[in-house]
Amino acid sequence: MPKVSLDIPQELLDDLKHHVGDGGKFVSVADAIRTACRKMLDQLDMIDARHGRIGGE
């Protein structure tokens, strides 16, 4: 799996870490970021479909 490096504001990372680990929704920060990216891409696909932009690659 490729690795990606990114800069993220500390307050965003701190908020994200509240949802990671025991009792959290995600097992790791990387898992949380992957899940967020997948959800965002699904939402963008739905928007593109509504605007007739799906399927024209």
N, C-alpha and C. Protein backbone atom coordinates (compact mmCIF):
# COMPACT_ATOMS: atom_id res chain seq x y z
N MET A 1 0.85 -1.17 0.00
CA MET A 1 0.00 0.00 0.00
C MET A 1 0.91 1.24 0.00
N PRO A 2 0.66 2.18 -0.90
CA PRO A 2 1.48 3.40 -0.94
C PRO A 2 1.31 4.21 0.34
N LYS A 3 2.35 4.94 0.68
CA LYS A 3 2.29 5.84 1.83
C LYS A 3 2.16 7.27 1.35
N VAL A 4 1.40 8.06 2.10
CA VAL A 4 1.19 9.46 1.78
C VAL A 4 1.56 10.27 3.01
N SER A 5 2.26 11.35 2.80
CA SER A 5 2.62 12.24 3.88
C SER A 5 1.82 13.53 3.72
N LEU A 6 1.32 14.08 4.83
CA LEU A 6 0.57 15.32 4.73
C LEU A 6 0.76 16.16 5.97
N ASP A 7 0.54 17.44 5.81
CA ASP A 7 0.55 18.37 6.94
C ASP A 7 -0.89 18.57 7.36
N ILE A 8 -1.12 18.60 8.67
CA ILE A 8 -2.47 18.74 9.19
C ILE A 8 -2.40 19.67 10.41
N PRO A 9 -3.32 20.60 10.53
CA PRO A 9 -3.29 21.48 11.70
C PRO A 9 -3.40 20.67 12.99
N GLN A 10 -2.67 21.07 14.01
CA GLN A 10 -2.63 20.33 15.27
C GLN A 10 -4.02 20.16 15.88
N GLU A 11 -4.85 21.21 15.81
CA GLU A 11 -6.19 21.11 16.42
C GLU A 11 -7.05 20.07 15.70
N LEU A 12 -6.88 19.92 14.40
CA LEU A 12 -7.62 18.90 13.66
C LEU A 12 -7.14 17.50 14.05
N LEU A 13 -5.83 17.33 14.17
CA LEU A 13 -5.27 16.05 14.58
C LEU A 13 -5.73 15.69 16.00
N ASP A 14 -5.73 16.68 16.89
CA ASP A 14 -6.18 16.43 18.26
C ASP A 14 -7.64 15.98 18.28
N ASP A 15 -8.49 16.65 17.51
CA ASP A 15 -9.90 16.26 17.43
C ASP A 15 -10.04 14.86 16.87
N LEU A 16 -9.27 14.54 15.84
CA LEU A 16 -9.32 13.23 15.23
C LEU A 16 -8.92 12.14 16.21
N LYS A 17 -7.90 12.39 17.01
CA LYS A 17 -7.40 11.39 17.97
C LYS A 17 -8.42 11.06 19.06
N HIS A 18 -9.40 11.92 19.27
CA HIS A 18 -10.46 11.62 20.24
C HIS A 18 -11.31 10.44 19.78
N HIS A 19 -11.27 10.12 18.49
CA HIS A 19 -12.09 9.06 17.92
C HIS A 19 -11.27 7.80 17.60
N VAL A 20 -10.01 7.77 18.07
CA VAL A 20 -9.10 6.67 17.76
C VAL A 20 -8.74 5.92 19.04
N GLY A 21 -8.59 4.61 18.92
CA GLY A 21 -8.13 3.79 20.04
C GLY A 21 -9.25 3.12 20.79
N ASP A 22 -8.93 2.61 21.98
CA ASP A 22 -9.92 1.92 22.81
C ASP A 22 -11.11 2.82 23.06
N GLY A 23 -12.28 2.31 22.73
CA GLY A 23 -13.49 3.10 22.91
C GLY A 23 -13.75 4.07 21.78
N GLY A 24 -12.83 4.17 20.85
CA GLY A 24 -13.00 5.08 19.71
C GLY A 24 -13.60 4.34 18.52
N LYS A 25 -13.89 5.10 17.49
CA LYS A 25 -14.49 4.52 16.30
C LYS A 25 -13.46 3.90 15.36
N PHE A 26 -12.19 4.28 15.50
CA PHE A 26 -11.14 3.85 14.58
C PHE A 26 -9.97 3.25 15.36
N VAL A 27 -9.26 2.32 14.71
CA VAL A 27 -8.12 1.68 15.37
C VAL A 27 -6.85 2.52 15.29
N SER A 28 -6.80 3.44 14.31
CA SER A 28 -5.60 4.28 14.14
C SER A 28 -6.00 5.58 13.43
N VAL A 29 -5.11 6.55 13.50
CA VAL A 29 -5.33 7.80 12.77
C VAL A 29 -5.38 7.51 11.27
N ALA A 30 -4.51 6.62 10.79
CA ALA A 30 -4.51 6.27 9.36
C ALA A 30 -5.86 5.67 8.95
N ASP A 31 -6.42 4.81 9.80
CA ASP A 31 -7.73 4.22 9.52
C ASP A 31 -8.80 5.30 9.44
N ALA A 32 -8.76 6.26 10.34
CA ALA A 32 -9.73 7.36 10.35
C ALA A 32 -9.62 8.20 9.07
N ILE A 33 -8.39 8.49 8.66
CA ILE A 33 -8.19 9.29 7.45
C ILE A 33 -8.63 8.53 6.21
N ARG A 34 -8.31 7.23 6.12
CA ARG A 34 -8.76 6.42 4.98
C ARG A 34 -10.28 6.40 4.90
N THR A 35 -10.93 6.20 6.05
CA THR A 35 -12.39 6.14 6.09
C THR A 35 -12.99 7.48 5.65
N ALA A 36 -12.41 8.58 6.12
CA ALA A 36 -12.90 9.90 5.75
C ALA A 36 -12.74 10.14 4.24
N CYS A 37 -11.61 9.71 3.68
CA CYS A 37 -11.39 9.87 2.24
C CYS A 37 -12.40 9.07 1.43
N ARG A 38 -12.65 7.82 1.87
CA ARG A 38 -13.64 6.99 1.15
C ARG A 38 -15.02 7.64 1.20
N LYS A 39 -15.41 8.14 2.37
CA LYS A 39 -16.72 8.77 2.50
C LYS A 39 -16.82 10.02 1.62
N MET A 40 -15.76 10.82 1.61
CA MET A 40 -15.77 12.02 0.78
C MET A 40 -15.88 11.67 -0.69
N LEU A 41 -15.16 10.65 -1.14
CA LEU A 41 -15.22 10.24 -2.54
C LEU A 41 -16.60 9.70 -2.89
N ASP A 42 -17.23 8.96 -1.98
CA ASP A 42 -18.60 8.50 -2.21
C ASP A 42 -19.56 9.69 -2.36
N GLN A 43 -19.39 10.69 -1.52
CA GLN A 43 -20.24 11.89 -1.60
C GLN A 43 -20.00 12.64 -2.91
N LEU A 44 -18.76 12.74 -3.34
CA LEU A 44 -18.46 13.40 -4.60
C LEU A 44 -19.06 12.63 -5.78
N ASP A 45 -19.03 11.30 -5.71
CA ASP A 45 -19.66 10.49 -6.76
C ASP A 45 -21.16 10.76 -6.82
N MET A 46 -21.81 10.87 -5.65
CA MET A 46 -23.25 11.16 -5.63
C MET A 46 -23.54 12.53 -6.22
N ILE A 47 -22.71 13.51 -5.91
CA ILE A 47 -22.89 14.85 -6.47
C ILE A 47 -22.70 14.82 -7.98
N ASP A 48 -21.64 14.13 -8.44
CA ASP A 48 -21.40 14.02 -9.88
C ASP A 48 -22.57 13.33 -10.58
N ALA A 49 -23.12 12.30 -9.96
CA ALA A 49 -24.25 11.59 -10.56
C ALA A 49 -25.46 12.51 -10.69
N ARG A 50 -25.71 13.31 -9.67
CA ARG A 50 -26.84 14.25 -9.73
C ARG A 50 -26.67 15.27 -10.84
N HIS A 51 -25.42 15.60 -11.15
CA HIS A 51 -25.15 16.61 -12.17
C HIS A 51 -24.81 16.00 -13.52
N GLY A 52 -25.00 14.69 -13.65
CA GLY A 52 -24.77 14.02 -14.92
C GLY A 52 -23.32 13.91 -15.33
N ARG A 53 -22.40 13.93 -14.36
CA ARG A 53 -20.97 13.89 -14.70
C ARG A 53 -20.35 12.50 -14.53
N ILE A 54 -21.13 11.50 -14.19
CA ILE A 54 -20.59 10.15 -14.00
C ILE A 54 -20.56 9.41 -15.33
N GLY A 55 -19.47 8.65 -15.57
CA GLY A 55 -19.41 7.78 -16.73
C GLY A 55 -18.70 8.34 -17.95
N GLY A 56 -18.19 9.54 -17.89
CA GLY A 56 -17.56 10.11 -19.07
C GLY A 56 -16.06 10.16 -19.00
N GLU A 57 -15.43 9.07 -18.61
CA GLU A 57 -13.98 9.08 -18.44
C GLU A 57 -13.29 9.09 -19.73
